[in-house]
Amino acid sequence: MAATSRPEGLVAAPVARSGRRAGGIARTDRSGVGSLTDFLLPATDAGVAAQAIGGLVLFLVALWFVRRNRDLVIFVVGLATMTAALMGLRMLH
């Protein structure tokens, strides 16, 4: 039998476990890159909803901590607005 030229940890498969193609070869090792991408850009509606709720909670906690300093409140509200705008742009795309 002829030896294949595939690197270790890669198997021939049409689609990777995450649903994204990896050059026609699916990666079997789930190194940090794929997991981070799946976390930042969820593929399901439930993942997006969880990300939005988590962001809302995070910004509400941040607002509670900086509630006495008006400049920091405006900064946190600006970050929350930018985050919501980026999530909206991603939704339209």
N, C-alpha and C. Protein backbone atom coordinates (compact mmCIF):
# COMPACT_ATOMS: atom_id res chain seq x y z
N MET A 1 0.82 -1.18 0.00
CA MET A 1 0.00 0.00 0.00
C MET A 1 0.87 1.25 0.00
N ALA A 2 0.45 2.24 -0.71
CA ALA A 2 1.20 3.49 -0.78
C ALA A 2 0.90 4.34 0.44
N ALA A 3 1.91 4.99 0.95
CA ALA A 3 1.73 5.86 2.10
C ALA A 3 1.10 7.18 1.66
N THR A 4 0.21 7.72 2.47
CA THR A 4 -0.41 9.02 2.16
C THR A 4 0.47 10.13 2.70
N SER A 5 0.27 11.32 2.15
CA SER A 5 1.09 12.46 2.57
C SER A 5 0.35 13.37 3.55
N ARG A 6 -0.64 12.85 4.26
CA ARG A 6 -1.38 13.68 5.22
C ARG A 6 -0.59 13.82 6.51
N PRO A 7 -0.60 15.02 7.09
CA PRO A 7 0.07 15.20 8.38
C PRO A 7 -0.67 14.44 9.48
N GLU A 8 0.00 14.21 10.59
CA GLU A 8 -0.61 13.53 11.73
C GLU A 8 -1.79 14.35 12.25
N GLY A 9 -2.82 13.68 12.74
CA GLY A 9 -3.97 14.37 13.32
C GLY A 9 -5.01 14.81 12.31
N LEU A 10 -4.81 14.54 11.04
CA LEU A 10 -5.77 14.94 10.02
C LEU A 10 -6.31 13.69 9.33
N VAL A 11 -7.61 13.70 9.07
CA VAL A 11 -8.23 12.58 8.38
C VAL A 11 -9.02 13.12 7.20
N ALA A 12 -9.21 12.29 6.19
CA ALA A 12 -9.96 12.73 5.03
C ALA A 12 -11.44 12.75 5.39
N ALA A 13 -12.06 13.90 5.28
CA ALA A 13 -13.49 14.06 5.54
C ALA A 13 -13.97 15.30 4.81
N PRO A 14 -15.20 15.30 4.32
CA PRO A 14 -15.66 16.46 3.57
C PRO A 14 -15.89 17.70 4.42
N VAL A 15 -16.26 17.53 5.69
CA VAL A 15 -16.59 18.68 6.53
C VAL A 15 -16.03 18.45 7.93
N ALA A 16 -15.49 19.50 8.54
CA ALA A 16 -14.97 19.40 9.90
C ALA A 16 -16.11 19.31 10.90
N ARG A 17 -15.80 18.95 12.15
CA ARG A 17 -16.82 18.83 13.19
C ARG A 17 -17.55 20.14 13.41
N SER A 18 -16.90 21.25 13.23
CA SER A 18 -17.54 22.54 13.46
C SER A 18 -18.42 22.96 12.29
N GLY A 19 -18.45 22.17 11.22
CA GLY A 19 -19.27 22.52 10.07
C GLY A 19 -18.54 23.37 9.05
N ARG A 20 -17.30 23.70 9.32
CA ARG A 20 -16.54 24.53 8.39
C ARG A 20 -15.51 23.66 7.67
N ARG A 21 -15.31 23.93 6.40
CA ARG A 21 -14.33 23.16 5.63
C ARG A 21 -12.92 23.61 6.00
N ALA A 22 -12.05 22.65 6.04
CA ALA A 22 -10.64 22.93 6.33
C ALA A 22 -9.82 22.43 5.15
N GLY A 23 -10.05 22.97 3.98
CA GLY A 23 -9.31 22.56 2.81
C GLY A 23 -9.61 21.14 2.39
N GLY A 24 -10.82 20.65 2.66
CA GLY A 24 -11.20 19.30 2.29
C GLY A 24 -10.73 18.26 3.29
N ILE A 25 -10.01 18.67 4.31
CA ILE A 25 -9.52 17.75 5.33
C ILE A 25 -10.04 18.23 6.68
N ALA A 26 -10.68 17.34 7.42
CA ALA A 26 -11.23 17.71 8.72
C ALA A 26 -10.16 17.55 9.79
N ARG A 27 -10.08 18.53 10.66
CA ARG A 27 -9.13 18.44 11.77
C ARG A 27 -9.75 17.62 12.90
N THR A 28 -9.01 16.66 13.40
CA THR A 28 -9.50 15.86 14.51
C THR A 28 -9.09 16.44 15.85
N ASP A 29 -8.03 17.23 15.88
CA ASP A 29 -7.65 17.85 17.14
C ASP A 29 -8.39 19.18 17.25
N ARG A 30 -8.99 19.43 18.40
CA ARG A 30 -9.73 20.67 18.62
C ARG A 30 -8.85 21.63 19.39
N SER A 31 -7.84 22.17 18.71
CA SER A 31 -6.93 23.11 19.35
C SER A 31 -7.69 24.41 19.63
N GLY A 32 -7.07 25.34 20.32
CA GLY A 32 -7.73 26.56 20.78
C GLY A 32 -8.29 27.44 19.69
N VAL A 33 -7.78 27.37 18.48
CA VAL A 33 -8.22 28.27 17.42
C VAL A 33 -9.67 28.02 17.04
N GLY A 34 -10.03 26.78 16.80
CA GLY A 34 -11.41 26.47 16.42
C GLY A 34 -12.39 26.75 17.54
N SER A 35 -12.02 26.44 18.75
CA SER A 35 -12.90 26.67 19.89
C SER A 35 -13.12 28.17 20.11
N LEU A 36 -12.09 28.96 19.97
CA LEU A 36 -12.23 30.40 20.14
C LEU A 36 -13.11 30.99 19.04
N THR A 37 -12.93 30.53 17.81
CA THR A 37 -13.77 30.99 16.71
C THR A 37 -15.22 30.61 16.93
N ASP A 38 -15.47 29.39 17.38
CA ASP A 38 -16.84 28.97 17.65
C ASP A 38 -17.45 29.78 18.79
N PHE A 39 -16.64 30.19 19.75
CA PHE A 39 -17.14 30.99 20.87
C PHE A 39 -17.47 32.41 20.43
N LEU A 40 -16.59 33.00 19.64
CA LEU A 40 -16.80 34.39 19.21
C LEU A 40 -17.85 34.52 18.11
N LEU A 41 -17.95 33.52 17.24
CA LEU A 41 -18.91 33.54 16.14
C LEU A 41 -19.78 32.28 16.20
N PRO A 42 -20.76 32.26 17.09
CA PRO A 42 -21.58 31.05 17.23
C PRO A 42 -22.38 30.77 15.96
N ALA A 43 -22.58 29.49 15.66
CA ALA A 43 -23.26 29.09 14.44
C ALA A 43 -24.76 28.90 14.63
N THR A 44 -25.24 28.85 15.87
CA THR A 44 -26.66 28.60 16.12
C THR A 44 -27.32 29.83 16.73
N ASP A 45 -28.63 29.90 16.60
CA ASP A 45 -29.38 31.00 17.20
C ASP A 45 -29.29 30.98 18.72
N ALA A 46 -29.28 29.78 19.30
CA ALA A 46 -29.17 29.67 20.75
C ALA A 46 -27.82 30.20 21.23
N GLY A 47 -26.77 29.95 20.47
CA GLY A 47 -25.45 30.47 20.83
C GLY A 47 -25.40 31.98 20.76
N VAL A 48 -26.04 32.55 19.76
CA VAL A 48 -26.08 34.01 19.63
C VAL A 48 -26.89 34.62 20.77
N ALA A 49 -28.01 33.98 21.12
CA ALA A 49 -28.84 34.48 22.23
C ALA A 49 -28.06 34.42 23.54
N ALA A 50 -27.35 33.33 23.77
CA ALA A 50 -26.55 33.20 24.99
C ALA A 50 -25.45 34.25 25.02
N GLN A 51 -24.84 34.52 23.88
CA GLN A 51 -23.79 35.53 23.80
C GLN A 51 -24.38 36.92 24.09
N ALA A 52 -25.56 37.22 23.57
CA ALA A 52 -26.19 38.52 23.81
C ALA A 52 -26.57 38.69 25.28
N ILE A 53 -27.13 37.65 25.88
CA ILE A 53 -27.51 37.72 27.30
C ILE A 53 -26.27 37.86 28.17
N GLY A 54 -25.22 37.11 27.84
CA GLY A 54 -23.97 37.23 28.60
C GLY A 54 -23.37 38.62 28.50
N GLY A 55 -23.41 39.20 27.31
CA GLY A 55 -22.90 40.56 27.14
C GLY A 55 -23.72 41.58 27.92
N LEU A 56 -25.04 41.40 27.91
CA LEU A 56 -25.92 42.31 28.66
C LEU A 56 -25.61 42.24 30.15
N VAL A 57 -25.46 41.03 30.67
CA VAL A 57 -25.14 40.87 32.09
C VAL A 57 -23.78 41.49 32.40
N LEU A 58 -22.81 41.25 31.55
CA LEU A 58 -21.47 41.80 31.76
C LEU A 58 -21.51 43.33 31.80
N PHE A 59 -22.21 43.95 30.87
CA PHE A 59 -22.26 45.41 30.84
C PHE A 59 -23.07 45.98 31.99
N LEU A 60 -24.12 45.27 32.44
CA LEU A 60 -24.87 45.74 33.60
C LEU A 60 -24.02 45.68 34.87
N VAL A 61 -23.23 44.63 35.02
CA VAL A 61 -22.33 44.54 36.17
C VAL A 61 -21.27 45.64 36.10
N ALA A 62 -20.73 45.88 34.92
CA ALA A 62 -19.73 46.94 34.76
C ALA A 62 -20.34 48.30 35.08
N LEU A 63 -21.58 48.53 34.65
CA LEU A 63 -22.25 49.80 34.97
C LEU A 63 -22.46 49.95 36.47
N TRP A 64 -22.78 48.85 37.14
CA TRP A 64 -22.99 48.93 38.58
C TRP A 64 -21.69 49.30 39.29
N PHE A 65 -20.56 48.77 38.83
CA PHE A 65 -19.28 49.07 39.46
C PHE A 65 -18.82 50.50 39.23
N VAL A 66 -19.18 51.10 38.11
CA VAL A 66 -18.70 52.46 37.79
C VAL A 66 -19.80 53.50 37.93
N ARG A 67 -20.87 53.19 38.63
CA ARG A 67 -22.05 54.06 38.67
C ARG A 67 -21.78 55.44 39.29
N ARG A 68 -20.75 55.59 40.06
CA ARG A 68 -20.49 56.88 40.72
C ARG A 68 -19.57 57.80 39.91
N ASN A 69 -18.98 57.30 38.85
CA ASN A 69 -18.08 58.11 38.03
C ASN A 69 -18.72 58.28 36.65
N ARG A 70 -19.18 59.49 36.39
CA ARG A 70 -19.93 59.74 35.17
C ARG A 70 -19.12 59.44 33.91
N ASP A 71 -17.84 59.76 33.91
CA ASP A 71 -17.01 59.51 32.73
C ASP A 71 -16.91 58.01 32.43
N LEU A 72 -16.75 57.20 33.47
CA LEU A 72 -16.69 55.75 33.26
C LEU A 72 -18.03 55.18 32.84
N VAL A 73 -19.12 55.75 33.35
CA VAL A 73 -20.46 55.30 32.94
C VAL A 73 -20.64 55.54 31.44
N ILE A 74 -20.25 56.72 30.99
CA ILE A 74 -20.37 57.03 29.56
C ILE A 74 -19.48 56.09 28.74
N PHE A 75 -18.28 55.78 29.24
CA PHE A 75 -17.38 54.87 28.55
C PHE A 75 -17.99 53.47 28.43
N VAL A 76 -18.55 52.95 29.53
CA VAL A 76 -19.13 51.60 29.52
C VAL A 76 -20.37 51.57 28.62
N VAL A 77 -21.18 52.61 28.65
CA VAL A 77 -22.35 52.68 27.77
C VAL A 77 -21.90 52.72 26.31
N GLY A 78 -20.83 53.44 26.02
CA GLY A 78 -20.29 53.47 24.65
C GLY A 78 -19.79 52.10 24.20
N LEU A 79 -19.10 51.39 25.09
CA LEU A 79 -18.66 50.03 24.75
C LEU A 79 -19.85 49.11 24.50
N ALA A 80 -20.88 49.23 25.33
CA ALA A 80 -22.06 48.40 25.15
C ALA A 80 -22.76 48.72 23.82
N THR A 81 -22.81 50.00 23.48
CA THR A 81 -23.44 50.41 22.22
C THR A 81 -22.66 49.88 21.03
N MET A 82 -21.33 49.99 21.08
CA MET A 82 -20.50 49.48 19.98
C MET A 82 -20.63 47.96 19.85
N THR A 83 -20.68 47.26 20.98
CA THR A 83 -20.84 45.81 20.94
C THR A 83 -22.18 45.43 20.33
N ALA A 84 -23.25 46.13 20.74
CA ALA A 84 -24.58 45.86 20.19
C ALA A 84 -24.61 46.16 18.69
N ALA A 85 -23.93 47.23 18.27
CA ALA A 85 -23.89 47.58 16.84
C ALA A 85 -23.16 46.51 16.04
N LEU A 86 -22.04 46.01 16.57
CA LEU A 86 -21.30 44.95 15.86
C LEU A 86 -22.12 43.66 15.79
N MET A 87 -22.85 43.35 16.85
CA MET A 87 -23.70 42.17 16.81
C MET A 87 -24.83 42.35 15.79
N GLY A 88 -25.35 43.56 15.68
CA GLY A 88 -26.39 43.84 14.69
C GLY A 88 -25.86 43.73 13.27
N LEU A 89 -24.65 44.23 13.03
CA LEU A 89 -24.04 44.12 11.71
C LEU A 89 -23.79 42.65 11.35
N ARG A 90 -23.34 41.88 12.33
CA ARG A 90 -23.12 40.46 12.08
C ARG A 90 -24.44 39.75 11.77
N MET A 91 -25.52 40.19 12.43
CA MET A 91 -26.83 39.59 12.17
C MET A 91 -27.30 39.89 10.74
N LEU A 92 -27.02 41.11 10.26
CA LEU A 92 -27.44 41.47 8.90
C LEU A 92 -26.61 40.75 7.85
N HIS A 93 -25.38 40.46 8.16
CA HIS A 93 -24.49 39.81 7.22
C HIS A 93 -24.94 38.38 7.05
